[in-house]
Protein backbone atom coordinates (compact mmCIF):
# COMPACT_ATOMS: atom_id res chain seq x y z
CA UNK A 1 -29.58 -142.73 -68.23
CA UNK A 2 -32.44 -140.51 -67.14
CA UNK A 3 -33.82 -138.64 -70.10
CA UNK A 4 -37.42 -137.86 -69.18
CA UNK A 5 -36.75 -135.11 -66.65
CA UNK A 6 -39.86 -133.03 -66.12
CA UNK A 7 -40.51 -129.74 -64.36
CA UNK A 8 -43.97 -128.97 -63.06
CA UNK A 9 -45.21 -125.59 -61.92
CA UNK A 10 -48.25 -125.87 -59.67
CA UNK A 11 -50.68 -123.40 -58.15
CA UNK A 12 -54.03 -123.38 -56.42
CA UNK A 13 -56.52 -120.52 -56.31
CA UNK A 14 -59.37 -120.03 -53.84
CA UNK A 15 -61.79 -117.12 -53.98
CA UNK A 16 -62.95 -116.76 -50.39
CA UNK A 17 -60.76 -119.34 -48.64
CA UNK A 18 -62.78 -121.49 -48.50
CA UNK A 19 -64.56 -120.66 -51.69
CA UNK A 20 -64.66 -121.51 -55.39
CA UNK A 21 -61.24 -123.03 -56.15
CA UNK A 22 -59.15 -124.16 -59.07
CA UNK A 23 -55.78 -125.65 -59.84
CA UNK A 24 -53.16 -124.86 -62.45
CA UNK A 25 -50.36 -127.18 -63.55
CA UNK A 26 -47.73 -126.59 -66.21
CA UNK A 27 -45.57 -129.58 -67.18
CA UNK A 28 -42.42 -128.89 -69.16
CA UNK A 29 -39.32 -130.63 -70.43
CA UNK A 30 -36.25 -128.84 -71.77
CA UNK A 31 -38.07 -125.48 -71.64
CA UNK A 32 -40.91 -126.84 -73.79
CA UNK A 33 -44.43 -127.04 -72.37
CA UNK A 34 -45.82 -130.56 -72.63
CA UNK A 35 -49.15 -130.02 -70.91
CA UNK A 36 -51.26 -127.38 -69.21
CA UNK A 37 -53.98 -128.29 -66.73
CA UNK A 38 -56.68 -125.93 -65.45
CA UNK A 39 -59.39 -127.60 -63.35
CA UNK A 40 -62.17 -126.24 -61.16
CA UNK A 41 -62.24 -128.29 -57.93
CA UNK A 42 -65.31 -126.80 -56.20
CA UNK A 43 -65.32 -125.16 -52.78
CA UNK A 44 -61.98 -125.53 -51.03
CA UNK A 45 -59.27 -123.65 -49.15
CA UNK A 46 -56.14 -122.38 -50.84
CA UNK A 47 -54.10 -125.14 -49.15
CA UNK A 48 -56.41 -127.87 -50.45
CA UNK A 49 -56.14 -126.30 -53.91
CA UNK A 50 -52.32 -126.24 -53.68
CA UNK A 51 -52.18 -129.92 -52.68
CA UNK A 52 -54.73 -130.83 -55.36
CA UNK A 53 -52.49 -129.15 -57.96
CA UNK A 54 -49.48 -131.10 -56.67
CA UNK A 55 -51.35 -134.42 -56.81
CA UNK A 56 -52.67 -133.72 -60.31
CA UNK A 57 -49.20 -132.73 -61.51
CA UNK A 58 -47.60 -135.87 -60.06
CA UNK A 59 -50.32 -138.09 -61.57
CA UNK A 60 -49.67 -136.52 -64.97
CA UNK A 61 -45.92 -137.12 -64.57
CA UNK A 62 -46.61 -140.81 -63.84
CA UNK A 63 -48.63 -141.01 -67.08
CA UNK A 64 -45.72 -139.36 -68.92
CA UNK A 65 -43.32 -141.93 -67.39
CA UNK A 66 -41.07 -139.28 -65.86
CA UNK A 67 -37.58 -140.31 -64.75
CA UNK A 68 -37.35 -137.30 -62.44
CA UNK A 69 -39.65 -134.47 -61.46
CA UNK A 70 -38.85 -131.02 -60.14
CA UNK A 71 -41.95 -129.43 -58.60
CA UNK A 72 -41.96 -125.65 -58.41
CA UNK A 73 -44.51 -123.99 -56.16
CA UNK A 74 -45.07 -120.57 -54.65
CA UNK A 75 -46.77 -122.19 -51.63
CA UNK A 76 -44.27 -121.99 -48.80
CA UNK A 77 -46.52 -124.13 -46.59
CA UNK A 78 -46.78 -126.96 -49.13
CA UNK A 79 -43.06 -126.96 -49.96
CA UNK A 80 -42.07 -126.97 -46.28
CA UNK A 81 -44.54 -129.72 -45.39
CA UNK A 82 -43.51 -131.94 -48.30
CA UNK A 83 -39.82 -131.35 -47.53
CA UNK A 84 -40.33 -132.26 -43.86
CA UNK A 85 -39.66 -128.80 -42.40
CA UNK A 86 -43.25 -128.38 -41.14
CA UNK A 87 -45.60 -130.98 -39.70
CA UNK A 88 -48.98 -131.55 -41.32
CA UNK A 89 -51.51 -130.81 -38.60
CA UNK A 90 -54.88 -130.40 -40.38
CA UNK A 91 -56.78 -133.65 -40.91
CA UNK A 92 -58.05 -132.76 -44.38
CA UNK A 93 -54.52 -131.88 -45.50
CA UNK A 94 -53.06 -135.11 -44.03
CA UNK A 95 -55.01 -137.20 -46.56
CA UNK A 96 -53.79 -135.07 -49.47
CA UNK A 97 -50.25 -135.08 -48.09
CA UNK A 98 -50.32 -138.90 -47.87
CA UNK A 99 -51.52 -139.18 -51.48
CA UNK A 100 -48.79 -136.79 -52.66
CA UNK A 101 -46.14 -138.83 -50.81
CA UNK A 102 -47.46 -142.05 -52.41
CA UNK A 103 -47.12 -140.52 -55.85
CA UNK A 104 -43.65 -139.19 -55.06
CA UNK A 105 -42.59 -142.68 -53.97
CA UNK A 106 -44.03 -144.18 -57.16
CA UNK A 107 -42.12 -141.66 -59.27
CA UNK A 108 -38.91 -142.10 -57.28
CA UNK A 109 -36.91 -138.98 -58.05
CA UNK A 110 -39.03 -135.98 -57.02
CA UNK A 111 -37.95 -132.71 -55.48
CA UNK A 112 -40.09 -129.76 -54.44
CA UNK A 113 -38.76 -126.22 -54.61
CA UNK A 114 -40.34 -123.02 -53.29
CA UNK A 115 -40.21 -120.21 -55.85
CA UNK A 116 -41.31 -116.57 -55.75
CA UNK A 117 -44.86 -115.91 -56.94
CA UNK A 118 -43.47 -113.92 -59.90
CA UNK A 119 -41.88 -117.12 -61.27
CA UNK A 120 -45.18 -119.00 -61.14
CA UNK A 121 -47.44 -116.71 -63.15
CA UNK A 122 -48.55 -119.23 -65.80
CA UNK A 123 -49.75 -121.87 -63.29
CA UNK A 124 -51.44 -119.05 -61.35
CA UNK A 125 -53.28 -117.89 -64.49
CA UNK A 126 -54.45 -121.45 -65.19
CA UNK A 127 -55.76 -121.88 -61.63
CA UNK A 128 -57.56 -118.55 -61.70
CA UNK A 129 -59.02 -119.17 -65.17
CA UNK A 130 -60.50 -122.46 -63.92
CA UNK A 131 -62.25 -120.60 -61.10
CA UNK A 132 -63.43 -117.76 -63.33
CA UNK A 133 -64.89 -120.08 -65.98
CA UNK A 134 -66.77 -122.06 -63.31
CA UNK A 135 -68.15 -118.95 -61.63
CA UNK A 136 -69.38 -117.55 -64.98
CA UNK A 137 -71.05 -120.93 -65.53
């Protein structure tokens, strides 16, 4: 029986696109937050930040020995690429996409759902706080 069912909310923020970027990840189980991640990732595009958030979230779920993972993202591009609706054309995204797929295979039961931005405010705040703290130095 699968009991370690996790939900991760992910977001990437880029100030300038490309510019100073950060990621936000919220991992929860049964409506209880298990972990929050806010990391500055340097200069990147918003799409690189989104994929970096996905990869970080999936890596954390592996550490937590998740039985299943539901990824919630407000990035329509990421969700459609991961779900096979869009092709990945950019070379720098292809590498991140491949890493995300590896992690999804390792976890086994992973689904990615596009959600409205309003439902992703906490991951968004984490991503933006990572950028702000790095810029302030």
